[in-house]
Amino acid sequence: MKRFVTAILTALGLVSSRPSEPPPDEPQLVSVRIPEQLQPLDRGAKYEDPLDAALKKEAVGEVNGGDMQLSAPDADGKKSIEWIEVDVDLSDFERGMPILKRELLRLGAPPGTILEYTRDGQEQEERLR
């Protein structure tokens, strides 16, 4: 629901489409872009559900959704998945980022996986490996 409201506000020009740094008492959004072609149910089973469980167990955050980027249509008009995204809210960024990275590696996130977030007012992009 949060992503839906954000999408509407972004379309109306009321908020930026890039994540901004939240106040200290709010969770920090980390968007994880994974170069894999997984359907939503498979993405949930492979990444979202296990990440959510691990982050909640450590009391550092939770998964708040996911998405995918489709390619332009090919010659036959078919689109393919270019990459998937998992959105994570970290309630404790300093403790949560190492746990998030560890779990992504454990779950088999491939090279080229990127974590995007904002810190100290600066947009950050970090490769997992």
Protein backbone atom coordinates (compact mmCIF):
# COMPACT_ATOMS: atom_id res chain seq x y z
CA MET A 1 0.00 0.00 0.00
CA LYS A 2 2.89 2.33 0.84
CA ARG A 3 4.35 1.94 -2.68
CA PHE A 4 0.93 2.65 -4.23
CA VAL A 5 0.51 5.91 -2.31
CA THR A 6 4.10 6.92 -3.11
CA ALA A 7 3.53 6.21 -6.81
CA ILE A 8 0.44 8.43 -6.84
CA LEU A 9 2.20 11.25 -4.99
CA THR A 10 5.19 10.96 -7.35
CA ALA A 11 2.93 11.11 -10.41
CA LEU A 12 1.35 14.27 -9.03
CA GLY A 13 4.79 15.78 -8.49
CA LEU A 14 4.31 15.98 -4.73
CA VAL A 15 7.29 13.75 -3.88
CA SER A 16 10.51 12.77 -5.63
CA SER A 17 10.73 9.39 -7.35
CA ARG A 18 14.09 8.76 -5.66
CA PRO A 19 14.12 7.66 -2.01
CA SER A 20 15.05 10.44 0.38
CA GLU A 21 16.62 10.05 3.77
CA PRO A 22 13.97 9.72 6.47
CA PRO A 23 14.08 11.45 9.84
CA PRO A 24 16.14 9.51 12.42
CA ASP A 25 13.11 7.79 13.98
CA GLU A 26 11.74 6.50 10.65
CA PRO A 27 12.94 3.45 8.72
CA GLN A 28 15.55 3.91 6.00
CA LEU A 29 14.46 2.64 2.57
CA VAL A 30 17.01 0.46 0.77
CA SER A 31 16.09 -0.63 -2.76
CA VAL A 32 17.87 -3.80 -3.80
CA ARG A 33 18.13 -4.26 -7.58
CA ILE A 34 18.94 -7.88 -8.48
CA PRO A 35 19.85 -8.89 -12.05
CA GLU A 36 17.64 -11.98 -12.16
CA GLN A 37 14.56 -12.88 -14.14
CA LEU A 38 12.12 -14.06 -11.47
CA GLN A 39 8.35 -13.88 -11.48
CA PRO A 40 6.75 -12.22 -8.42
CA LEU A 41 5.96 -15.45 -6.55
CA ASP A 42 9.48 -16.78 -7.16
CA ARG A 43 10.99 -13.44 -6.11
CA GLY A 44 8.99 -13.62 -2.89
CA ALA A 45 10.06 -17.19 -2.15
CA LYS A 46 13.75 -16.67 -2.99
CA TYR A 47 14.35 -13.19 -1.56
CA GLU A 48 11.45 -11.32 0.04
CA ASP A 49 10.22 -13.90 2.56
CA PRO A 50 13.66 -15.07 3.81
CA LEU A 51 15.00 -11.48 3.98
CA ASP A 52 11.92 -10.34 5.88
CA ALA A 53 12.28 -13.19 8.38
CA ALA A 54 16.01 -12.53 8.94
CA LEU A 55 15.60 -8.75 9.34
CA LYS A 56 12.68 -9.17 11.75
CA LYS A 57 14.55 -11.83 13.75
CA GLU A 58 17.44 -9.37 14.23
CA ALA A 59 14.95 -6.51 14.88
CA VAL A 60 16.59 -4.27 12.25
CA GLY A 61 13.88 -3.93 9.61
CA GLU A 62 11.51 -5.60 7.19
CA VAL A 63 10.77 -6.09 3.50
CA ASN A 64 8.06 -3.72 2.29
CA GLY A 65 7.62 -4.87 -1.30
CA GLY A 66 9.15 -5.72 -4.61
CA ASP A 67 8.98 -4.95 -8.28
CA MET A 68 10.57 -5.78 -11.63
CA GLN A 69 11.83 -3.93 -14.68
CA LEU A 70 10.58 -5.17 -18.04
CA SER A 71 12.52 -4.78 -21.28
CA ALA A 72 11.29 -3.04 -24.39
CA PRO A 73 9.30 -5.40 -26.63
CA ASP A 74 11.37 -7.63 -28.89
CA ALA A 75 10.62 -8.24 -32.58
CA ASP A 76 7.73 -10.53 -31.57
CA GLY A 77 6.34 -7.93 -29.15
CA LYS A 78 7.36 -9.92 -26.08
CA LYS A 79 8.90 -8.32 -23.02
CA SER A 80 11.30 -9.99 -20.62
CA ILE A 81 12.31 -9.25 -17.06
CA GLU A 82 15.58 -7.27 -16.96
CA TRP A 83 15.92 -7.17 -13.17
CA ILE A 84 13.92 -7.49 -9.99
CA GLU A 85 13.78 -5.17 -7.00
CA VAL A 86 13.21 -5.81 -3.31
CA ASP A 87 12.43 -2.81 -1.10
CA VAL A 88 13.61 -2.99 2.49
CA ASP A 89 12.86 -0.64 5.39
CA LEU A 90 15.75 -0.71 7.86
CA SER A 91 14.79 0.54 11.31
CA ASP A 92 18.46 0.33 12.34
CA PHE A 93 20.56 1.20 9.30
CA GLU A 94 23.98 0.70 10.89
CA ARG A 95 23.18 -2.78 12.19
CA GLY A 96 20.82 -3.69 9.36
CA MET A 97 23.00 -3.11 6.29
CA PRO A 98 25.57 -5.81 7.16
CA ILE A 99 22.74 -8.25 7.92
CA LEU A 100 20.97 -7.39 4.66
CA LYS A 101 24.19 -7.90 2.66
CA ARG A 102 25.00 -11.16 4.43
CA GLU A 103 21.53 -12.54 3.77
CA LEU A 104 21.52 -11.47 0.11
CA LEU A 105 24.80 -13.34 -0.40
CA ARG A 106 23.48 -16.37 1.48
CA LEU A 107 20.37 -16.39 -0.71
CA GLY A 108 22.50 -16.37 -3.86
CA ALA A 109 22.11 -12.79 -5.10
CA PRO A 110 24.27 -12.64 -8.22
CA PRO A 111 27.14 -10.27 -9.03
CA GLY A 112 25.75 -6.94 -10.19
CA THR A 113 23.23 -6.70 -7.35
CA ILE A 114 22.92 -3.03 -6.33
CA LEU A 115 21.70 -1.47 -3.08
CA GLU A 116 20.34 2.09 -3.40
CA TYR A 117 19.67 4.38 -0.43
CA THR A 118 20.13 7.94 0.77
CA ARG A 119 22.53 8.88 3.59
CA ASP A 120 23.44 12.36 4.77
CA GLY A 121 21.32 13.80 1.97
CA GLN A 122 23.32 11.96 -0.70
CA GLU A 123 21.96 9.22 -2.94
CA GLN A 124 24.16 6.14 -2.61
CA GLU A 125 24.55 3.16 -4.93
CA GLU A 126 26.53 0.21 -3.64
CA ARG A 127 27.33 -3.04 -5.42
CA LEU A 128 26.83 -6.13 -3.29
CA ARG A 129 29.99 -7.67 -4.76
